[in-house]
Amino acid sequence: MNPRPRHGPCSLCLRITSLTFHHLIPRKLHKRRRYVRTYSKEQLNEGIMLCNRCHKGLHKLHDETALGSSLNTVQALREDPAISRHIAWVAKQKS
């Protein structure tokens, strides 16, 4: 298993900076019956590396239920209007 990079391009804004791990299905939901039946343990633990600004923005814009049910892929995150506006703003910021 490869260690997660701590520095590199953010999966959303693509800035080269310090990174944090974002679970595509938030850990808070992992024990809920719907998620246990629908997803494997590996799928529940899938995630992406994000800069701090993108990561905080996701959680500020949407609650865990929305992130886990309809915004659980990179494509879905990028297509969400509020998140795409946030990403565009973050991309203009200095690292």
PDB file of N, CA and C in Angstrom:
ATOM      1  N   MET A   1       0.842  -1.181   0.000  1.00  0.00           N
ATOM      2  CA  MET A   1       0.000   0.000   0.000  1.00  0.00           C
ATOM      3  C   MET A   1       0.886   1.243   0.000  1.00  0.00           C
ATOM      4  N   ASN A   2       0.628   2.151  -0.923  1.00  0.00           N
ATOM      5  CA  ASN A   2       1.407   3.382  -1.011  1.00  0.00           C
ATOM      6  C   ASN A   2       0.950   4.378   0.038  1.00  0.00           C
ATOM      7  N   PRO A   3       1.916   5.032   0.688  1.00  0.00           N
ATOM      8  CA  PRO A   3       1.508   6.079   1.629  1.00  0.00           C
ATOM      9  C   PRO A   3       0.884   7.248   0.871  1.00  0.00           C
ATOM     10  N   ARG A   4      -0.025   7.922   1.518  1.00  0.00           N
ATOM     11  CA  ARG A   4      -0.683   9.074   0.896  1.00  0.00           C
ATOM     12  C   ARG A   4       0.300  10.231   0.809  1.00  0.00           C
ATOM     13  N   PRO A   5       0.349  10.897  -0.338  1.00  0.00           N
ATOM     14  CA  PRO A   5       1.264  12.046  -0.443  1.00  0.00           C
ATOM     15  C   PRO A   5       0.809  13.182   0.459  1.00  0.00           C
ATOM     16  N   ARG A   6       1.748  13.832   1.082  1.00  0.00           N
ATOM     17  CA  ARG A   6       1.442  14.948   1.982  1.00  0.00           C
ATOM     18  C   ARG A   6       1.575  16.287   1.268  1.00  0.00           C
ATOM     19  N   HIS A   7       2.173  16.251   0.065  1.00  0.00           N
ATOM     20  CA  HIS A   7       2.388  17.469  -0.699  1.00  0.00           C
ATOM     21  C   HIS A   7       2.261  17.119  -2.177  1.00  0.00           C
ATOM     22  N   GLY A   8       1.567  17.944  -2.932  1.00  0.00           N
ATOM     23  CA  GLY A   8       1.390  17.676  -4.354  1.00  0.00           C
ATOM     24  C   GLY A   8       0.181  18.412  -4.881  1.00  0.00           C
ATOM     25  N   PRO A   9      -0.334  17.967  -6.034  1.00  0.00           N
ATOM     26  CA  PRO A   9      -1.500  18.647  -6.610  1.00  0.00           C
ATOM     27  C   PRO A   9      -2.807  18.235  -5.917  1.00  0.00           C
ATOM     28  N   CYS A  10      -3.614  19.224  -5.595  1.00  0.00           N
ATOM     29  CA  CYS A  10      -4.946  18.987  -5.037  1.00  0.00           C
ATOM     30  C   CYS A  10      -5.812  18.347  -6.121  1.00  0.00           C
ATOM     31  N   SER A  11      -6.619  17.372  -5.769  1.00  0.00           N
ATOM     32  CA  SER A  11      -7.479  16.684  -6.738  1.00  0.00           C
ATOM     33  C   SER A  11      -8.558  17.573  -7.329  1.00  0.00           C
ATOM     34  N   LEU A  12      -8.867  18.697  -6.693  1.00  0.00           N
ATOM     35  CA  LEU A  12      -9.908  19.582  -7.207  1.00  0.00           C
ATOM     36  C   LEU A  12      -9.344  20.856  -7.840  1.00  0.00           C
ATOM     37  N   CYS A  13      -8.577  21.626  -7.095  1.00  0.00           N
ATOM     38  CA  CYS A  13      -8.093  22.909  -7.626  1.00  0.00           C
ATOM     39  C   CYS A  13      -6.772  22.783  -8.379  1.00  0.00           C
ATOM     40  N   LEU A  14      -6.095  21.651  -8.220  1.00  0.00           N
ATOM     41  CA  LEU A  14      -4.836  21.329  -8.901  1.00  0.00           C
ATOM     42  C   LEU A  14      -3.637  22.159  -8.447  1.00  0.00           C
ATOM     43  N   ARG A  15      -3.779  22.954  -7.372  1.00  0.00           N
ATOM     44  CA  ARG A  15      -2.637  23.696  -6.840  1.00  0.00           C
ATOM     45  C   ARG A  15      -1.667  22.728  -6.180  1.00  0.00           C
ATOM     46  N   ILE A  16      -0.373  22.996  -6.290  1.00  0.00           N
ATOM     47  CA  ILE A  16       0.651  22.200  -5.614  1.00  0.00           C
ATOM     48  C   ILE A  16       0.793  22.773  -4.208  1.00  0.00           C
ATOM     49  N   THR A  17       0.428  21.965  -3.211  1.00  0.00           N
ATOM     50  CA  THR A  17       0.425  22.450  -1.826  1.00  0.00           C
ATOM     51  C   THR A  17       0.352  21.265  -0.870  1.00  0.00           C
ATOM     52  N   SER A  18       0.257  21.530   0.414  1.00  0.00           N
ATOM     53  CA  SER A  18       0.050  20.486   1.422  1.00  0.00           C
ATOM     54  C   SER A  18      -1.329  19.873   1.215  1.00  0.00           C
ATOM     55  N   LEU A  19      -1.440  18.575   1.462  1.00  0.00           N
ATOM     56  CA  LEU A  19      -2.688  17.861   1.193  1.00  0.00           C
ATOM     57  C   LEU A  19      -3.232  17.160   2.426  1.00  0.00           C
ATOM     58  N   THR A  20      -4.546  16.969   2.432  1.00  0.00           N
ATOM     59  CA  THR A  20      -5.227  16.180   3.452  1.00  0.00           C
ATOM     60  C   THR A  20      -6.101  15.154   2.735  1.00  0.00           C
ATOM     61  N   PHE A  21      -6.423  14.065   3.419  1.00  0.00           N
ATOM     62  CA  PHE A  21      -7.231  13.001   2.829  1.00  0.00           C
ATOM     63  C   PHE A  21      -8.708  13.264   3.061  1.00  0.00           C
ATOM     64  N   HIS A  22      -9.503  13.172   2.002  1.00  0.00           N
ATOM     65  CA  HIS A  22     -10.957  13.347   2.091  1.00  0.00           C
ATOM     66  C   HIS A  22     -11.621  12.036   1.695  1.00  0.00           C
ATOM     67  N   HIS A  23     -12.376  11.430   2.619  1.00  0.00           N
ATOM     68  CA  HIS A  23     -13.160  10.238   2.291  1.00  0.00           C
ATOM     69  C   HIS A  23     -14.304  10.647   1.375  1.00  0.00           C
ATOM     70  N   LEU A  24     -14.447   9.983   0.231  1.00  0.00           N
ATOM     71  CA  LEU A  24     -15.546  10.318  -0.676  1.00  0.00           C
ATOM     72  C   LEU A  24     -16.896  10.011  -0.037  1.00  0.00           C
ATOM     73  N   ILE A  25     -16.937   8.999   0.810  1.00  0.00           N
ATOM     74  CA  ILE A  25     -18.116   8.736   1.648  1.00  0.00           C
ATOM     75  C   ILE A  25     -17.650   9.005   3.080  1.00  0.00           C
ATOM     76  N   PRO A  26     -18.132  10.078   3.696  1.00  0.00           N
ATOM     77  CA  PRO A  26     -17.645  10.467   5.022  1.00  0.00           C
ATOM     78  C   PRO A  26     -17.706   9.339   6.046  1.00  0.00           C
ATOM     79  N   ARG A  27     -16.696   9.276   6.899  1.00  0.00           N
ATOM     80  CA  ARG A  27     -16.601   8.208   7.898  1.00  0.00           C
ATOM     81  C   ARG A  27     -17.816   8.162   8.819  1.00  0.00           C
ATOM     82  N   LYS A  28     -18.423   9.293   9.036  1.00  0.00           N
ATOM     83  CA  LYS A  28     -19.615   9.363   9.897  1.00  0.00           C
ATOM     84  C   LYS A  28     -20.727   8.437   9.383  1.00  0.00           C
ATOM     85  N   LEU A  29     -20.739   8.160   8.075  1.00  0.00           N
ATOM     86  CA  LEU A  29     -21.794   7.358   7.459  1.00  0.00           C
ATOM     87  C   LEU A  29     -21.446   5.878   7.329  1.00  0.00           C
ATOM     88  N   HIS A  30     -20.207   5.503   7.583  1.00  0.00           N
ATOM     89  CA  HIS A  30     -19.749   4.142   7.316  1.00  0.00           C
ATOM     90  C   HIS A  30     -20.521   3.053   8.060  1.00  0.00           C
ATOM     91  N   LYS A  31     -21.062   3.351   9.213  1.00  0.00           N
ATOM     92  CA  LYS A  31     -21.776   2.320   9.988  1.00  0.00           C
ATOM     93  C   LYS A  31     -23.278   2.320   9.740  1.00  0.00           C
ATOM     94  N   ARG A  32     -23.759   3.260   8.962  1.00  0.00           N
ATOM     95  CA  ARG A  32     -25.194   3.284   8.667  1.00  0.00           C
ATOM     96  C   ARG A  32     -25.542   2.118   7.744  1.00  0.00           C
ATOM     97  N   ARG A  33     -26.675   1.502   8.019  1.00  0.00           N
ATOM     98  CA  ARG A  33     -27.096   0.294   7.322  1.00  0.00           C
ATOM     99  C   ARG A  33     -27.067   0.436   5.798  1.00  0.00           C
ATOM    100  N   ARG A  34     -27.567   1.554   5.289  1.00  0.00           N
ATOM    101  CA  ARG A  34     -27.628   1.765   3.838  1.00  0.00           C
ATOM    102  C   ARG A  34     -26.242   1.666   3.206  1.00  0.00           C
ATOM    103  N   TYR A  35     -25.251   2.254   3.852  1.00  0.00           N
ATOM    104  CA  TYR A  35     -23.900   2.277   3.302  1.00  0.00           C
ATOM    105  C   TYR A  35     -23.203   0.932   3.474  1.00  0.00           C
ATOM    106  N   VAL A  36     -23.440   0.252   4.593  1.00  0.00           N
ATOM    107  CA  VAL A  36     -22.849  -1.062   4.828  1.00  0.00           C
ATOM    108  C   VAL A  36     -23.346  -2.055   3.782  1.00  0.00           C
ATOM    109  N   ARG A  37     -24.639  -1.973   3.432  1.00  0.00           N
ATOM    110  CA  ARG A  37     -25.207  -2.895   2.442  1.00  0.00           C
ATOM    111  C   ARG A  37     -24.794  -2.550   1.018  1.00  0.00           C
ATOM    112  N   THR A  38     -24.614  -1.282   0.734  1.00  0.00           N
ATOM    113  CA  THR A  38     -24.384  -0.830  -0.638  1.00  0.00           C
ATOM    114  C   THR A  38     -22.913  -0.853  -1.044  1.00  0.00           C
ATOM    115  N   TYR A  39     -22.009  -0.570  -0.121  1.00  0.00           N
ATOM    116  CA  TYR A  39     -20.596  -0.410  -0.460  1.00  0.00           C
ATOM    117  C   TYR A  39     -19.721  -1.408   0.287  1.00  0.00           C
ATOM    118  N   SER A  40     -18.641  -1.830  -0.373  1.00  0.00           N
ATOM    119  CA  SER A  40     -17.653  -2.679   0.290  1.00  0.00           C
ATOM    120  C   SER A  40     -16.804  -1.813   1.214  1.00  0.00           C
ATOM    121  N   LYS A  41     -16.043  -2.465   2.070  1.00  0.00           N
ATOM    122  CA  LYS A  41     -15.166  -1.732   2.982  1.00  0.00           C
ATOM    123  C   LYS A  41     -14.146  -0.901   2.196  1.00  0.00           C
ATOM    124  N   GLU A  42     -13.656  -1.456   1.089  1.00  0.00           N
ATOM    125  CA  GLU A  42     -12.693  -0.730   0.253  1.00  0.00           C
ATOM    126  C   GLU A  42     -13.341   0.520  -0.353  1.00  0.00           C
ATOM    127  N   GLN A  43     -14.578   0.401  -0.822  1.00  0.00           N
ATOM    128  CA  GLN A  43     -15.279   1.559  -1.404  1.00  0.00           C
ATOM    129  C   GLN A  43     -15.530   2.635  -0.356  1.00  0.00           C
ATOM    130  N   LEU A  44     -15.867   2.223   0.848  1.00  0.00           N
ATOM    131  CA  LEU A  44     -16.115   3.193   1.920  1.00  0.00           C
ATOM    132  C   LEU A  44     -14.839   3.952   2.277  1.00  0.00           C
ATOM    133  N   ASN A  45     -13.695   3.308   2.118  1.00  0.00           N
ATOM    134  CA  ASN A  45     -12.425   3.944   2.481  1.00  0.00           C
ATOM    135  C   ASN A  45     -11.744   4.666   1.332  1.00  0.00           C
ATOM    136  N   GLU A  46     -12.379   4.709   0.151  1.00  0.00           N
ATOM    137  CA  GLU A  46     -11.800   5.440  -0.969  1.00  0.00           C
ATOM    138  C   GLU A  46     -11.837   6.931  -0.689  1.00  0.00           C
ATOM    139  N   GLY A  47     -10.836   7.620  -1.201  1.00  0.00           N
ATOM    140  CA  GLY A  47     -10.792   9.052  -0.985  1.00  0.00           C
ATOM    141  C   GLY A  47      -9.860   9.739  -1.950  1.00  0.00           C
ATOM    142  N   ILE A  48      -9.761  11.030  -1.779  1.00  0.00           N
ATOM    143  CA  ILE A  48      -8.905  11.855  -2.629  1.00  0.00           C
ATOM    144  C   ILE A  48      -8.083  12.780  -1.748  1.00  0.00           C
ATOM    145  N   MET A  49      -6.977  13.245  -2.295  1.00  0.00           N
ATOM    146  CA  MET A  49      -6.120  14.172  -1.573  1.00  0.00           C
ATOM    147  C   MET A  49      -6.497  15.594  -1.965  1.00  0.00           C
ATOM    148  N   LEU A  50      -6.791  16.412  -0.962  1.00  0.00           N
ATOM    149  CA  LEU A  50      -7.237  17.788  -1.183  1.00  0.00           C
ATOM    150  C   LEU A  50      -6.393  18.760  -0.382  1.00  0.00           C
ATOM    151  N   CYS A  51      -6.302  19.988  -0.915  1.00  0.00           N
ATOM    152  CA  CYS A  51      -5.672  21.044  -0.130  1.00  0.00           C
ATOM    153  C   CYS A  51      -6.641  21.421   0.994  1.00  0.00           C
ATOM    154  N   ASN A  52      -6.123  22.111   1.982  1.00  0.00           N
ATOM    155  CA  ASN A  52      -6.942  22.500   3.135  1.00  0.00           C
ATOM    156  C   ASN A  52      -8.147  23.343   2.738  1.00  0.00           C
ATOM    157  N   ARG A  53      -7.950  24.309   1.827  1.00  0.00           N
ATOM    158  CA  ARG A  53      -9.043  25.193   1.432  1.00  0.00           C
ATOM    159  C   ARG A  53     -10.170  24.432   0.737  1.00  0.00           C
ATOM    160  N   CYS A  54      -9.822  23.533  -0.168  1.00  0.00           N
ATOM    161  CA  CYS A  54     -10.864  22.744  -0.850  1.00  0.00           C
ATOM    162  C   CYS A  54     -11.577  21.834   0.143  1.00  0.00           C
ATOM    163  N   HIS A  55     -10.799  21.185   1.038  1.00  0.00           N
ATOM    164  CA  HIS A  55     -11.382  20.249   1.996  1.00  0.00           C
ATOM    165  C   HIS A  55     -12.359  20.964   2.936  1.00  0.00           C
ATOM    166  N   LYS A  56     -11.926  22.086   3.488  1.00  0.00           N
ATOM    167  CA  LYS A  56     -12.810  22.837   4.385  1.00  0.00           C
ATOM    168  C   LYS A  56     -14.032  23.360   3.635  1.00  0.00           C
ATOM    169  N   GLY A  57     -13.828  23.783   2.392  1.00  0.00           N
ATOM    170  CA  GLY A  57     -14.934  24.288   1.587  1.00  0.00           C
ATOM    171  C   GLY A  57     -16.002  23.244   1.333  1.00  0.00           C
ATOM    172  N   LEU A  58     -15.576  22.003   1.029  1.00  0.00           N
ATOM    173  CA  LEU A  58     -16.555  20.926   0.796  1.00  0.00           C
ATOM    174  C   LEU A  58     -17.454  20.746   2.007  1.00  0.00           C
ATOM    175  N   HIS A  59     -16.824  20.676   3.185  1.00  0.00           N
ATOM    176  CA  HIS A  59     -17.592  20.417   4.403  1.00  0.00           C
ATOM    177  C   HIS A  59     -18.405  21.626   4.848  1.00  0.00           C
ATOM    178  N   LYS A  60     -18.001  22.803   4.433  1.00  0.00           N
ATOM    179  CA  LYS A  60     -18.779  24.000   4.753  1.00  0.00           C
ATOM    180  C   LYS A  60     -19.999  24.120   3.834  1.00  0.00           C
ATOM    181  N   LEU A  61     -19.834  23.723   2.571  1.00  0.00           N
ATOM    182  CA  LEU A  61     -20.912  23.862   1.589  1.00  0.00           C
ATOM    183  C   LEU A  61     -21.977  22.772   1.690  1.00  0.00           C
ATOM    184  N   HIS A  62     -21.576  21.559   2.089  1.00  0.00           N
ATOM    185  CA  HIS A  62     -22.516  20.422   2.119  1.00  0.00           C
ATOM    186  C   HIS A  62     -22.323  19.599   3.381  1.00  0.00           C
ATOM    187  N   ASP A  63     -23.407  19.024   3.873  1.00  0.00           N
ATOM    188  CA  ASP A  63     -23.307  18.150   5.037  1.00  0.00           C
ATOM    189  C   ASP A  63     -22.846  16.750   4.611  1.00  0.00           C
ATOM    190  N   GLU A  64     -22.540  15.907   5.594  1.00  0.00           N
ATOM    191  CA  GLU A  64     -22.013  14.575   5.318  1.00  0.00           C
ATOM    192  C   GLU A  64     -22.971  13.717   4.496  1.00  0.00           C
ATOM    193  N   THR A  65     -24.265  13.849   4.747  1.00  0.00           N
ATOM    194  CA  THR A  65     -25.241  13.040   4.015  1.00  0.00           C
ATOM    195  C   THR A  65     -25.216  13.376   2.526  1.00  0.00           C
ATOM    196  N   ALA A  66     -25.178  14.645   2.184  1.00  0.00           N
ATOM    197  CA  ALA A  66     -25.114  15.051   0.775  1.00  0.00           C
ATOM    198  C   ALA A  66     -23.804  14.596   0.145  1.00  0.00           C
ATOM    199  N   LEU A  67     -22.702  14.744   0.876  1.00  0.00           N
ATOM    200  CA  LEU A  67     -21.407  14.312   0.349  1.00  0.00           C
ATOM    201  C   LEU A  67     -21.399  12.801   0.103  1.00  0.00           C
ATOM    202  N   GLY A  68     -21.958  12.033   1.020  1.00  0.00           N
ATOM    203  CA  GLY A  68     -21.937  10.581   0.886  1.00  0.00           C
ATOM    204  C   GLY A  68     -22.919  10.027  -0.121  1.00  0.00           C
ATOM    205  N   SER A  69     -24.050  10.690  -0.310  1.00  0.00           N
ATOM    206  CA  SER A  69     -25.071  10.126  -1.199  1.00  0.00           C
ATOM    207  C   SER A  69     -24.940  10.597  -2.637  1.00  0.00           C
ATOM    208  N   SER A  70     -24.726  11.886  -2.869  1.00  0.00           N
ATOM    209  CA  SER A  70     -24.724  12.359  -4.259  1.00  0.00           C
ATOM    210  C   SER A  70     -23.414  13.001  -4.694  1.00  0.00           C
ATOM    211  N   LEU A  71     -22.524  13.270  -3.766  1.00  0.00           N
ATOM    212  CA  LEU A  71     -21.256  13.920  -4.120  1.00  0.00           C
ATOM    213  C   LEU A  71     -20.069  13.035  -3.742  1.00  0.00           C
ATOM    214  N   ASN A  72     -20.167  11.747  -4.089  1.00  0.00           N
ATOM    215  CA  ASN A  72     -19.140  10.799  -3.662  1.00  0.00           C
ATOM    216  C   ASN A  72     -18.172  10.375  -4.773  1.00  0.00           C
ATOM    217  N   THR A  73     -18.046  11.210  -5.807  1.00  0.00           N
ATOM    218  CA  THR A  73     -17.024  11.015  -6.834  1.00  0.00           C
ATOM    219  C   THR A  73     -16.393  12.369  -7.144  1.00  0.00           C
ATOM    220  N   VAL A  74     -15.194  12.338  -7.696  1.00  0.00           N
ATOM    221  CA  VAL A  74     -14.530  13.591  -8.067  1.00  0.00           C
ATOM    222  C   VAL A  74     -15.357  14.320  -9.119  1.00  0.00           C
ATOM    223  N   GLN A  75     -15.907  13.568 -10.061  1.00  0.00           N
ATOM    224  CA  GLN A  75     -16.723  14.193 -11.112  1.00  0.00           C
ATOM    225  C   GLN A  75     -17.942  14.895 -10.523  1.00  0.00           C
ATOM    226  N   ALA A  76     -18.635  14.236  -9.607  1.00  0.00           N
ATOM    227  CA  ALA A  76     -19.811  14.843  -8.985  1.00  0.00           C
ATOM    228  C   ALA A  76     -19.426  16.095  -8.195  1.00  0.00           C
ATOM    229  N   LEU A  77     -18.294  16.052  -7.518  1.00  0.00           N
ATOM    230  CA  LEU A  77     -17.839  17.225  -6.771  1.00  0.00           C
ATOM    231  C   LEU A  77     -17.571  18.388  -7.718  1.00  0.00           C
ATOM    232  N   ARG A  78     -16.885  18.117  -8.818  1.00  0.00           N
ATOM    233  CA  ARG A  78     -16.560  19.182  -9.772  1.00  0.00           C
ATOM    234  C   ARG A  78     -17.793  19.743 -10.473  1.00  0.00           C
ATOM    235  N   GLU A  79     -18.831  18.924 -10.655  1.00  0.00           N
ATOM    236  CA  GLU A  79     -20.037  19.362 -11.363  1.00  0.00           C
ATOM    237  C   GLU A  79     -21.011  20.129 -10.479  1.00  0.00           C
ATOM    238  N   ASP A  80     -20.852  20.042  -9.170  1.00  0.00           N
ATOM    239  CA  ASP A  80     -21.732  20.770  -8.259  1.00  0.00           C
ATOM    240  C   ASP A  80     -21.450  22.265  -8.399  1.00  0.00           C
ATOM    241  N   PRO A  81     -22.478  23.081  -8.662  1.00  0.00           N
ATOM    242  CA  PRO A  81     -22.265  24.521  -8.901  1.00  0.00           C
ATOM    243  C   PRO A  81     -21.552  25.245  -7.751  1.00  0.00           C
ATOM    244  N   ALA A  82     -21.950  25.008  -6.530  1.00  0.00           N
ATOM    245  CA  ALA A  82     -21.333  25.696  -5.390  1.00  0.00           C
ATOM    246  C   ALA A  82     -19.875  25.280  -5.231  1.00  0.00           C
ATOM    247  N   ILE A  83     -19.610  24.003  -5.374  1.00  0.00           N
ATOM    248  CA  ILE A  83     -18.236  23.520  -5.236  1.00  0.00           C
ATOM    249  C   ILE A  83     -17.372  24.014  -6.390  1.00  0.00           C
ATOM    250  N   SER A  84     -17.899  24.022  -7.602  1.00  0.00           N
ATOM    251  CA  SER A  84     -17.096  24.482  -8.741  1.00  0.00           C
ATOM    252  C   SER A  84     -16.742  25.970  -8.592  1.00  0.00           C
ATOM    253  N   ARG A  85     -17.649  26.780  -8.045  1.00  0.00           N
ATOM    254  CA  ARG A  85     -17.335  28.186  -7.778  1.00  0.00           C
ATOM    255  C   ARG A  85     -16.225  28.290  -6.728  1.00  0.00           C
ATOM    256  N   HIS A  86     -16.334  27.457  -5.702  1.00  0.00           N
ATOM    257  CA  HIS A  86     -15.319  27.451  -4.646  1.00  0.00           C
ATOM    258  C   HIS A  86     -13.957  27.023  -5.212  1.00  0.00           C
ATOM    259  N   ILE A  87     -13.942  25.983  -6.035  1.00  0.00           N
ATOM    260  CA  ILE A  87     -12.696  25.504  -6.638  1.00  0.00           C
ATOM    261  C   ILE A  87     -12.063  26.597  -7.486  1.00  0.00           C
ATOM    262  N   ALA A  88     -12.874  27.294  -8.269  1.00  0.00           N
ATOM    263  CA  ALA A  88     -12.367  28.376  -9.114  1.00  0.00           C
ATOM    264  C   ALA A  88     -11.727  29.473  -8.253  1.00  0.00           C
ATOM    265  N   TRP A  89     -12.341  29.789  -7.127  1.00  0.00           N
ATOM    266  CA  TRP A  89     -11.783  30.785  -6.221  1.00  0.00           C
ATOM    267  C   TRP A  89     -10.469  30.287  -5.615  1.00  0.00           C
ATOM    268  N   VAL A  90     -10.463  29.050  -5.130  1.00  0.00           N
ATOM    269  CA  VAL A  90      -9.257  28.499  -4.497  1.00  0.00           C
ATOM    270  C   VAL A  90      -8.106  28.444  -5.492  1.00  0.00           C
ATOM    271  N   ALA A  91      -8.382  28.078  -6.729  1.00  0.00           N
ATOM    272  CA  ALA A  91      -7.330  27.959  -7.751  1.00  0.00           C
ATOM    273  C   ALA A  91      -6.583  29.273  -7.959  1.00  0.00           C
ATOM    274  N   LYS A  92      -7.211  30.390  -7.666  1.00  0.00           N
ATOM    275  CA  LYS A  92      -6.587  31.708  -7.844  1.00  0.00           C
ATOM    276  C   LYS A  92      -5.748  32.120  -6.636  1.00  0.00           C
ATOM    277  N   GLN A  93      -5.860  31.389  -5.534  1.00  0.00           N
ATOM    278  CA  GLN A  93      -5.157  31.745  -4.302  1.00  0.00           C
ATOM    279  C   GLN A  93      -3.719  31.245  -4.341  1.00  0.00           C
ATOM    280  N   LYS A  94      -2.859  31.923  -3.594  1.00  0.00           N
ATOM    281  CA  LYS A  94      -1.476  31.467  -3.478  1.00  0.00           C
ATOM    282  C   LYS A  94      -1.428  30.261  -2.553  1.00  0.00           C
ATOM    283  N   SER A  95      -0.478  29.390  -2.791  1.00  0.00           N
ATOM    284  CA  SER A  95      -0.326  28.203  -1.954  1.00  0.00           C
ATOM    285  C   SER A  95       0.122  28.586  -0.628  1.00  0.00           C
TER     286      SER A  95
END
